[in-house]
Amino acid sequence: MCDFCRIVNGEMDIDLVYQDELITAFLDYEPINEGHVLIVPNVHVGSLVDVPDEAIVRMMWLARKLIKRFEEIYRTDGYTLMNNGGSAGDLDHFHFHVFPRFEGDGFGWLDSGAEHDHSCRIVDLLREGL
C-alpha cells in the first residue's frame, strides 16, 4: 500500500486539511511555501486519466477553495496548482500540489528552450483527438 493510501486510511500521522468520501488533503511535509497542500483522490490511481470524474471535480473544487483561503490568510501574490504524471511523477498515486505564491519566493518555471514554430505544428494533431 502506498503512503498516500495509508494517509487516506488514517494510518499515517499527517496534518489533515480536508477529507470526505472522495478526496483527502493535507499539508506537504516538504513545502514550497507555508500552506502547501497535497490533494489526493481516495482511490489509488497513478494518472489523471484514471481519476474518477467525480473525484477530479471535487479536487478542483477544493483547490479553488484553498486558493481563496490563501488570499485571505497570506495576502498572496498568486498561487501554483501542479501535478507531474507518468514517469515524471514523484509518486504512484495521483495528487495535486496547491500552494500560495509570493513575489520573490524563488519558485520558478524552467524554459525548455523549444522553438515556438515547432510547438505550433502539433496543434492540428491535438485538435484531431479531442
N, C-alpha and C. Protein backbone atom coordinates (compact mmCIF):
# COMPACT_ATOMS: atom_id res chain seq x y z
N MET A 1 0.85 -1.18 0.00
CA MET A 1 0.00 0.00 0.00
C MET A 1 0.90 1.25 0.00
N CYS A 2 0.59 2.23 -0.85
CA CYS A 2 1.41 3.44 -0.94
C CYS A 2 1.15 4.36 0.26
N ASP A 3 2.06 5.31 0.46
CA ASP A 3 1.93 6.24 1.58
C ASP A 3 0.64 7.05 1.51
N PHE A 4 0.24 7.47 0.30
CA PHE A 4 -0.99 8.26 0.20
C PHE A 4 -2.22 7.43 0.54
N CYS A 5 -2.22 6.16 0.18
CA CYS A 5 -3.32 5.27 0.57
C CYS A 5 -3.34 5.10 2.09
N ARG A 6 -2.17 5.00 2.67
CA ARG A 6 -2.09 4.88 4.13
C ARG A 6 -2.60 6.16 4.79
N ILE A 7 -2.31 7.31 4.22
CA ILE A 7 -2.82 8.58 4.75
C ILE A 7 -4.34 8.61 4.65
N VAL A 8 -4.88 8.26 3.47
CA VAL A 8 -6.34 8.24 3.27
C VAL A 8 -7.00 7.33 4.31
N ASN A 9 -6.36 6.21 4.63
CA ASN A 9 -6.90 5.26 5.60
C ASN A 9 -6.61 5.61 7.05
N GLY A 10 -5.98 6.75 7.29
CA GLY A 10 -5.70 7.18 8.66
C GLY A 10 -4.56 6.44 9.32
N GLU A 11 -3.68 5.85 8.54
CA GLU A 11 -2.59 5.04 9.08
C GLU A 11 -1.27 5.79 9.21
N MET A 12 -1.25 7.06 8.83
CA MET A 12 -0.04 7.87 8.96
C MET A 12 -0.39 9.18 9.64
N ASP A 13 0.55 9.69 10.40
CA ASP A 13 0.37 10.95 11.10
C ASP A 13 0.65 12.10 10.14
N ILE A 14 -0.38 12.85 9.80
CA ILE A 14 -0.25 13.99 8.90
C ILE A 14 -1.08 15.15 9.44
N ASP A 15 -0.88 16.32 8.85
CA ASP A 15 -1.70 17.49 9.18
C ASP A 15 -2.85 17.56 8.20
N LEU A 16 -3.97 16.94 8.58
CA LEU A 16 -5.15 16.84 7.72
C LEU A 16 -5.81 18.20 7.56
N VAL A 17 -6.06 18.58 6.32
CA VAL A 17 -6.75 19.83 6.00
C VAL A 17 -8.21 19.56 5.66
N TYR A 18 -8.47 18.48 4.92
CA TYR A 18 -9.83 18.17 4.48
C TYR A 18 -9.91 16.69 4.09
N GLN A 19 -11.06 16.09 4.38
CA GLN A 19 -11.28 14.72 3.91
C GLN A 19 -12.78 14.49 3.78
N ASP A 20 -13.17 13.82 2.68
CA ASP A 20 -14.54 13.37 2.50
C ASP A 20 -14.49 12.00 1.84
N GLU A 21 -15.60 11.54 1.29
CA GLU A 21 -15.64 10.20 0.72
C GLU A 21 -14.85 10.06 -0.58
N LEU A 22 -14.47 11.19 -1.21
CA LEU A 22 -13.78 11.15 -2.50
C LEU A 22 -12.31 11.56 -2.45
N ILE A 23 -11.99 12.54 -1.59
CA ILE A 23 -10.65 13.12 -1.61
C ILE A 23 -10.12 13.36 -0.20
N THR A 24 -8.80 13.52 -0.12
CA THR A 24 -8.13 13.86 1.13
C THR A 24 -7.09 14.93 0.83
N ALA A 25 -6.97 15.90 1.72
CA ALA A 25 -5.99 16.98 1.56
C ALA A 25 -5.22 17.15 2.86
N PHE A 26 -3.92 17.38 2.73
CA PHE A 26 -3.06 17.50 3.91
C PHE A 26 -1.85 18.36 3.56
N LEU A 27 -1.19 18.87 4.59
CA LEU A 27 0.00 19.69 4.36
C LEU A 27 1.15 18.85 3.83
N ASP A 28 1.88 19.41 2.88
CA ASP A 28 3.08 18.77 2.35
C ASP A 28 4.16 18.83 3.42
N TYR A 29 4.89 17.73 3.63
CA TYR A 29 5.92 17.73 4.67
C TYR A 29 7.22 18.40 4.20
N GLU A 30 7.33 18.71 2.91
CA GLU A 30 8.45 19.49 2.38
C GLU A 30 7.87 20.64 1.55
N PRO A 31 7.25 21.63 2.20
CA PRO A 31 6.50 22.66 1.48
C PRO A 31 7.39 23.61 0.67
N ILE A 32 6.87 24.03 -0.48
CA ILE A 32 7.49 25.10 -1.26
C ILE A 32 7.33 26.40 -0.49
N ASN A 33 6.13 26.68 -0.03
CA ASN A 33 5.81 27.82 0.83
C ASN A 33 4.86 27.34 1.92
N GLU A 34 4.80 28.08 3.00
CA GLU A 34 3.86 27.74 4.07
C GLU A 34 2.45 27.64 3.49
N GLY A 35 1.71 26.63 3.90
CA GLY A 35 0.36 26.41 3.41
C GLY A 35 0.29 25.44 2.25
N HIS A 36 1.42 24.90 1.81
CA HIS A 36 1.48 23.95 0.69
C HIS A 36 0.67 22.71 1.03
N VAL A 37 -0.35 22.43 0.21
CA VAL A 37 -1.28 21.33 0.45
C VAL A 37 -1.21 20.33 -0.70
N LEU A 38 -1.32 19.05 -0.36
CA LEU A 38 -1.49 18.00 -1.36
C LEU A 38 -2.94 17.54 -1.32
N ILE A 39 -3.53 17.38 -2.48
CA ILE A 39 -4.89 16.86 -2.60
C ILE A 39 -4.81 15.56 -3.37
N VAL A 40 -5.34 14.48 -2.79
CA VAL A 40 -5.29 13.16 -3.43
C VAL A 40 -6.69 12.58 -3.53
N PRO A 41 -6.94 11.79 -4.59
CA PRO A 41 -8.20 11.03 -4.60
C PRO A 41 -8.06 9.90 -3.59
N ASN A 42 -9.16 9.50 -3.01
CA ASN A 42 -9.11 8.42 -2.02
C ASN A 42 -8.88 7.05 -2.64
N VAL A 43 -9.09 6.93 -3.94
CA VAL A 43 -8.79 5.68 -4.64
C VAL A 43 -7.37 5.76 -5.19
N HIS A 44 -6.68 4.63 -5.19
CA HIS A 44 -5.31 4.60 -5.69
C HIS A 44 -5.31 4.54 -7.21
N VAL A 45 -4.92 5.65 -7.84
CA VAL A 45 -4.71 5.72 -9.29
C VAL A 45 -3.44 6.50 -9.53
N GLY A 46 -2.72 6.16 -10.58
CA GLY A 46 -1.44 6.79 -10.83
C GLY A 46 -1.46 7.96 -11.79
N SER A 47 -2.56 8.16 -12.49
CA SER A 47 -2.60 9.18 -13.53
C SER A 47 -3.93 9.93 -13.51
N LEU A 48 -3.87 11.17 -13.93
CA LEU A 48 -5.07 11.99 -14.06
C LEU A 48 -6.14 11.30 -14.90
N VAL A 49 -5.72 10.61 -15.95
CA VAL A 49 -6.70 9.97 -16.83
C VAL A 49 -7.46 8.85 -16.14
N ASP A 50 -6.97 8.38 -15.01
CA ASP A 50 -7.63 7.29 -14.28
C ASP A 50 -8.44 7.77 -13.07
N VAL A 51 -8.36 9.04 -12.73
CA VAL A 51 -9.10 9.56 -11.58
C VAL A 51 -10.58 9.61 -11.94
N PRO A 52 -11.45 9.05 -11.11
CA PRO A 52 -12.89 9.13 -11.39
C PRO A 52 -13.33 10.59 -11.55
N ASP A 53 -14.23 10.83 -12.50
CA ASP A 53 -14.67 12.19 -12.81
C ASP A 53 -15.13 12.95 -11.57
N GLU A 54 -15.93 12.30 -10.74
CA GLU A 54 -16.46 12.97 -9.55
C GLU A 54 -15.33 13.40 -8.61
N ALA A 55 -14.28 12.59 -8.51
CA ALA A 55 -13.16 12.92 -7.63
C ALA A 55 -12.34 14.07 -8.19
N ILE A 56 -12.12 14.10 -9.51
CA ILE A 56 -11.32 15.20 -10.07
C ILE A 56 -12.07 16.52 -9.96
N VAL A 57 -13.38 16.48 -10.12
CA VAL A 57 -14.18 17.70 -9.94
C VAL A 57 -14.08 18.17 -8.49
N ARG A 58 -14.15 17.25 -7.55
CA ARG A 58 -14.04 17.61 -6.13
C ARG A 58 -12.64 18.15 -5.81
N MET A 59 -11.61 17.56 -6.42
CA MET A 59 -10.24 18.04 -6.20
C MET A 59 -10.09 19.49 -6.68
N MET A 60 -10.67 19.81 -7.84
CA MET A 60 -10.59 21.18 -8.36
C MET A 60 -11.42 22.13 -7.49
N TRP A 61 -12.56 21.66 -7.02
CA TRP A 61 -13.39 22.47 -6.11
C TRP A 61 -12.59 22.84 -4.87
N LEU A 62 -11.90 21.84 -4.29
CA LEU A 62 -11.12 22.12 -3.09
C LEU A 62 -9.92 23.01 -3.40
N ALA A 63 -9.27 22.80 -4.52
CA ALA A 63 -8.14 23.65 -4.90
C ALA A 63 -8.58 25.11 -4.97
N ARG A 64 -9.73 25.35 -5.58
CA ARG A 64 -10.25 26.73 -5.66
C ARG A 64 -10.53 27.31 -4.28
N LYS A 65 -11.12 26.52 -3.40
CA LYS A 65 -11.39 26.99 -2.04
C LYS A 65 -10.09 27.28 -1.29
N LEU A 66 -9.09 26.42 -1.47
CA LEU A 66 -7.80 26.65 -0.81
C LEU A 66 -7.14 27.93 -1.32
N ILE A 67 -7.20 28.15 -2.62
CA ILE A 67 -6.62 29.37 -3.18
C ILE A 67 -7.28 30.60 -2.60
N LYS A 68 -8.58 30.58 -2.44
CA LYS A 68 -9.29 31.70 -1.80
C LYS A 68 -8.83 31.89 -0.36
N ARG A 69 -8.63 30.78 0.37
CA ARG A 69 -8.14 30.87 1.75
C ARG A 69 -6.72 31.41 1.80
N PHE A 70 -5.86 31.00 0.86
CA PHE A 70 -4.50 31.55 0.80
C PHE A 70 -4.55 33.07 0.67
N GLU A 71 -5.43 33.56 -0.20
CA GLU A 71 -5.56 35.01 -0.39
C GLU A 71 -5.96 35.69 0.91
N GLU A 72 -6.90 35.09 1.62
CA GLU A 72 -7.37 35.68 2.88
C GLU A 72 -6.32 35.61 3.99
N ILE A 73 -5.66 34.49 4.10
CA ILE A 73 -4.69 34.27 5.19
C ILE A 73 -3.37 34.97 4.93
N TYR A 74 -2.83 34.81 3.71
CA TYR A 74 -1.48 35.26 3.41
C TYR A 74 -1.39 36.53 2.58
N ARG A 75 -2.50 36.98 2.02
CA ARG A 75 -2.46 38.12 1.09
C ARG A 75 -1.46 37.83 -0.03
N THR A 76 -1.68 36.73 -0.70
CA THR A 76 -0.74 36.19 -1.69
C THR A 76 -0.64 37.06 -2.93
N ASP A 77 0.45 36.83 -3.68
CA ASP A 77 0.61 37.43 -5.00
C ASP A 77 0.10 36.49 -6.07
N GLY A 78 -0.20 35.25 -5.70
CA GLY A 78 -0.68 34.26 -6.65
C GLY A 78 -0.70 32.89 -6.01
N TYR A 79 -0.73 31.88 -6.84
CA TYR A 79 -0.76 30.50 -6.36
C TYR A 79 -0.18 29.60 -7.44
N THR A 80 0.15 28.38 -7.07
CA THR A 80 0.53 27.35 -8.03
C THR A 80 -0.30 26.11 -7.76
N LEU A 81 -0.83 25.54 -8.84
CA LEU A 81 -1.54 24.27 -8.82
C LEU A 81 -0.82 23.41 -9.83
N MET A 82 -0.25 22.28 -9.37
CA MET A 82 0.54 21.48 -10.31
C MET A 82 0.47 20.00 -10.00
N ASN A 83 0.85 19.23 -11.03
CA ASN A 83 0.96 17.79 -10.94
C ASN A 83 1.94 17.32 -11.99
N ASN A 84 2.71 16.31 -11.68
CA ASN A 84 3.56 15.64 -12.67
C ASN A 84 3.02 14.23 -12.83
N GLY A 85 2.88 13.78 -14.07
CA GLY A 85 2.33 12.46 -14.29
C GLY A 85 3.28 11.51 -14.98
N GLY A 86 2.93 10.25 -15.00
CA GLY A 86 3.76 9.23 -15.63
C GLY A 86 5.11 9.11 -14.96
N SER A 87 6.14 8.86 -15.74
CA SER A 87 7.48 8.69 -15.16
C SER A 87 8.03 10.01 -14.63
N ALA A 88 7.38 11.15 -14.96
CA ALA A 88 7.80 12.44 -14.43
C ALA A 88 7.24 12.67 -13.02
N GLY A 89 6.31 11.82 -12.59
CA GLY A 89 5.70 11.96 -11.27
C GLY A 89 6.63 11.48 -10.17
N ASP A 90 6.41 12.01 -8.99
CA ASP A 90 7.26 11.63 -7.87
C ASP A 90 6.69 10.47 -7.06
N LEU A 91 5.42 10.17 -7.22
CA LEU A 91 4.78 9.06 -6.52
C LEU A 91 3.80 8.37 -7.47
N ASP A 92 3.39 7.19 -7.12
CA ASP A 92 2.47 6.45 -7.98
C ASP A 92 1.02 6.58 -7.52
N HIS A 93 0.66 7.70 -6.91
CA HIS A 93 -0.71 7.99 -6.51
C HIS A 93 -0.97 9.42 -6.96
N PHE A 94 -1.90 9.60 -7.87
CA PHE A 94 -2.16 10.93 -8.42
C PHE A 94 -2.40 11.93 -7.30
N HIS A 95 -1.90 13.15 -7.48
CA HIS A 95 -2.12 14.21 -6.50
C HIS A 95 -1.86 15.57 -7.12
N PHE A 96 -2.50 16.57 -6.55
CA PHE A 96 -2.24 17.97 -6.88
C PHE A 96 -1.44 18.60 -5.75
N HIS A 97 -0.53 19.46 -6.12
CA HIS A 97 0.12 20.37 -5.19
C HIS A 97 -0.60 21.70 -5.34
N VAL A 98 -0.98 22.33 -4.25
CA VAL A 98 -1.59 23.66 -4.26
C VAL A 98 -0.86 24.47 -3.21
N PHE A 99 -0.26 25.59 -3.63
CA PHE A 99 0.44 26.39 -2.62
C PHE A 99 0.41 27.87 -2.97
N PRO A 100 0.47 28.69 -1.92
CA PRO A 100 0.46 30.14 -2.12
C PRO A 100 1.79 30.60 -2.71
N ARG A 101 1.73 31.68 -3.49
CA ARG A 101 2.92 32.24 -4.11
C ARG A 101 3.09 33.70 -3.70
N PHE A 102 4.35 34.09 -3.63
CA PHE A 102 4.70 35.45 -3.24
C PHE A 102 5.80 35.95 -4.16
N GLU A 103 5.74 37.21 -4.51
CA GLU A 103 6.77 37.78 -5.35
C GLU A 103 8.14 37.54 -4.70
N GLY A 104 9.08 37.02 -5.49
CA GLY A 104 10.42 36.77 -4.99
C GLY A 104 10.56 35.52 -4.15
N ASP A 105 9.58 34.61 -4.18
CA ASP A 105 9.67 33.41 -3.33
C ASP A 105 10.66 32.38 -3.85
N GLY A 106 11.19 32.59 -5.05
CA GLY A 106 12.23 31.71 -5.56
C GLY A 106 11.76 30.49 -6.32
N PHE A 107 10.45 30.22 -6.31
CA PHE A 107 9.94 29.08 -7.07
C PHE A 107 9.75 29.53 -8.50
N GLY A 108 10.21 28.74 -9.45
CA GLY A 108 10.10 29.18 -10.84
C GLY A 108 9.89 28.05 -11.82
N TRP A 109 9.68 28.43 -13.04
CA TRP A 109 9.44 27.53 -14.14
C TRP A 109 10.70 27.47 -14.99
N LEU A 110 11.07 26.30 -15.45
CA LEU A 110 12.22 26.16 -16.33
C LEU A 110 11.75 26.18 -17.77
N ASP A 111 12.41 26.97 -18.61
CA ASP A 111 12.09 27.06 -20.02
C ASP A 111 12.82 25.95 -20.75
N SER A 112 12.10 25.18 -21.55
CA SER A 112 12.71 24.08 -22.28
C SER A 112 13.59 24.56 -23.43
N GLY A 113 13.39 25.78 -23.87
CA GLY A 113 14.15 26.31 -24.98
C GLY A 113 13.61 25.88 -26.34
N ALA A 114 12.49 25.17 -26.37
CA ALA A 114 11.92 24.69 -27.62
C ALA A 114 11.46 25.88 -28.48
N GLU A 115 11.61 25.73 -29.78
CA GLU A 115 11.18 26.77 -30.71
C GLU A 115 9.65 26.84 -30.76
N HIS A 116 9.11 28.04 -30.81
CA HIS A 116 7.66 28.23 -30.86
C HIS A 116 7.07 27.61 -32.12
N ASP A 117 7.73 27.76 -33.27
CA ASP A 117 7.20 27.19 -34.52
C ASP A 117 7.02 25.68 -34.39
N HIS A 118 7.95 25.03 -33.76
CA HIS A 118 7.88 23.58 -33.57
C HIS A 118 6.65 23.22 -32.74
N SER A 119 6.41 23.94 -31.67
CA SER A 119 5.26 23.67 -30.81
C SER A 119 3.95 23.90 -31.53
N CYS A 120 3.88 24.90 -32.40
CA CYS A 120 2.64 25.22 -33.11
C CYS A 120 2.26 24.14 -34.11
N ARG A 121 3.21 23.37 -34.62
CA ARG A 121 2.92 22.32 -35.60
C ARG A 121 2.07 21.20 -35.01
N ILE A 122 2.04 21.07 -33.73
CA ILE A 122 1.31 19.98 -33.09
C ILE A 122 -0.18 20.30 -32.93
N VAL A 123 -0.56 21.55 -33.12
CA VAL A 123 -1.93 21.99 -32.85
C VAL A 123 -2.95 21.14 -33.60
N ASP A 124 -2.76 20.91 -34.88
CA ASP A 124 -3.74 20.13 -35.65
C ASP A 124 -3.84 18.70 -35.12
N LEU A 125 -2.73 18.11 -34.77
CA LEU A 125 -2.75 16.74 -34.23
C LEU A 125 -3.51 16.68 -32.91
N LEU A 126 -3.29 17.67 -32.07
CA LEU A 126 -4.02 17.71 -30.79
C LEU A 126 -5.51 17.89 -31.03
N ARG A 127 -5.86 18.78 -31.91
CA ARG A 127 -7.28 19.06 -32.17
C ARG A 127 -8.01 17.83 -32.70
N GLU A 128 -7.33 17.04 -33.56
CA GLU A 128 -7.96 15.86 -34.14
C GLU A 128 -8.46 14.87 -33.09
N GLY A 129 -7.73 14.73 -32.00
CA GLY A 129 -8.10 13.74 -31.00
C GLY A 129 -9.06 14.22 -29.94
N LEU A 130 -9.51 15.46 -30.05
CA LEU A 130 -10.40 15.99 -29.00
C LEU A 130 -11.83 15.95 -29.37
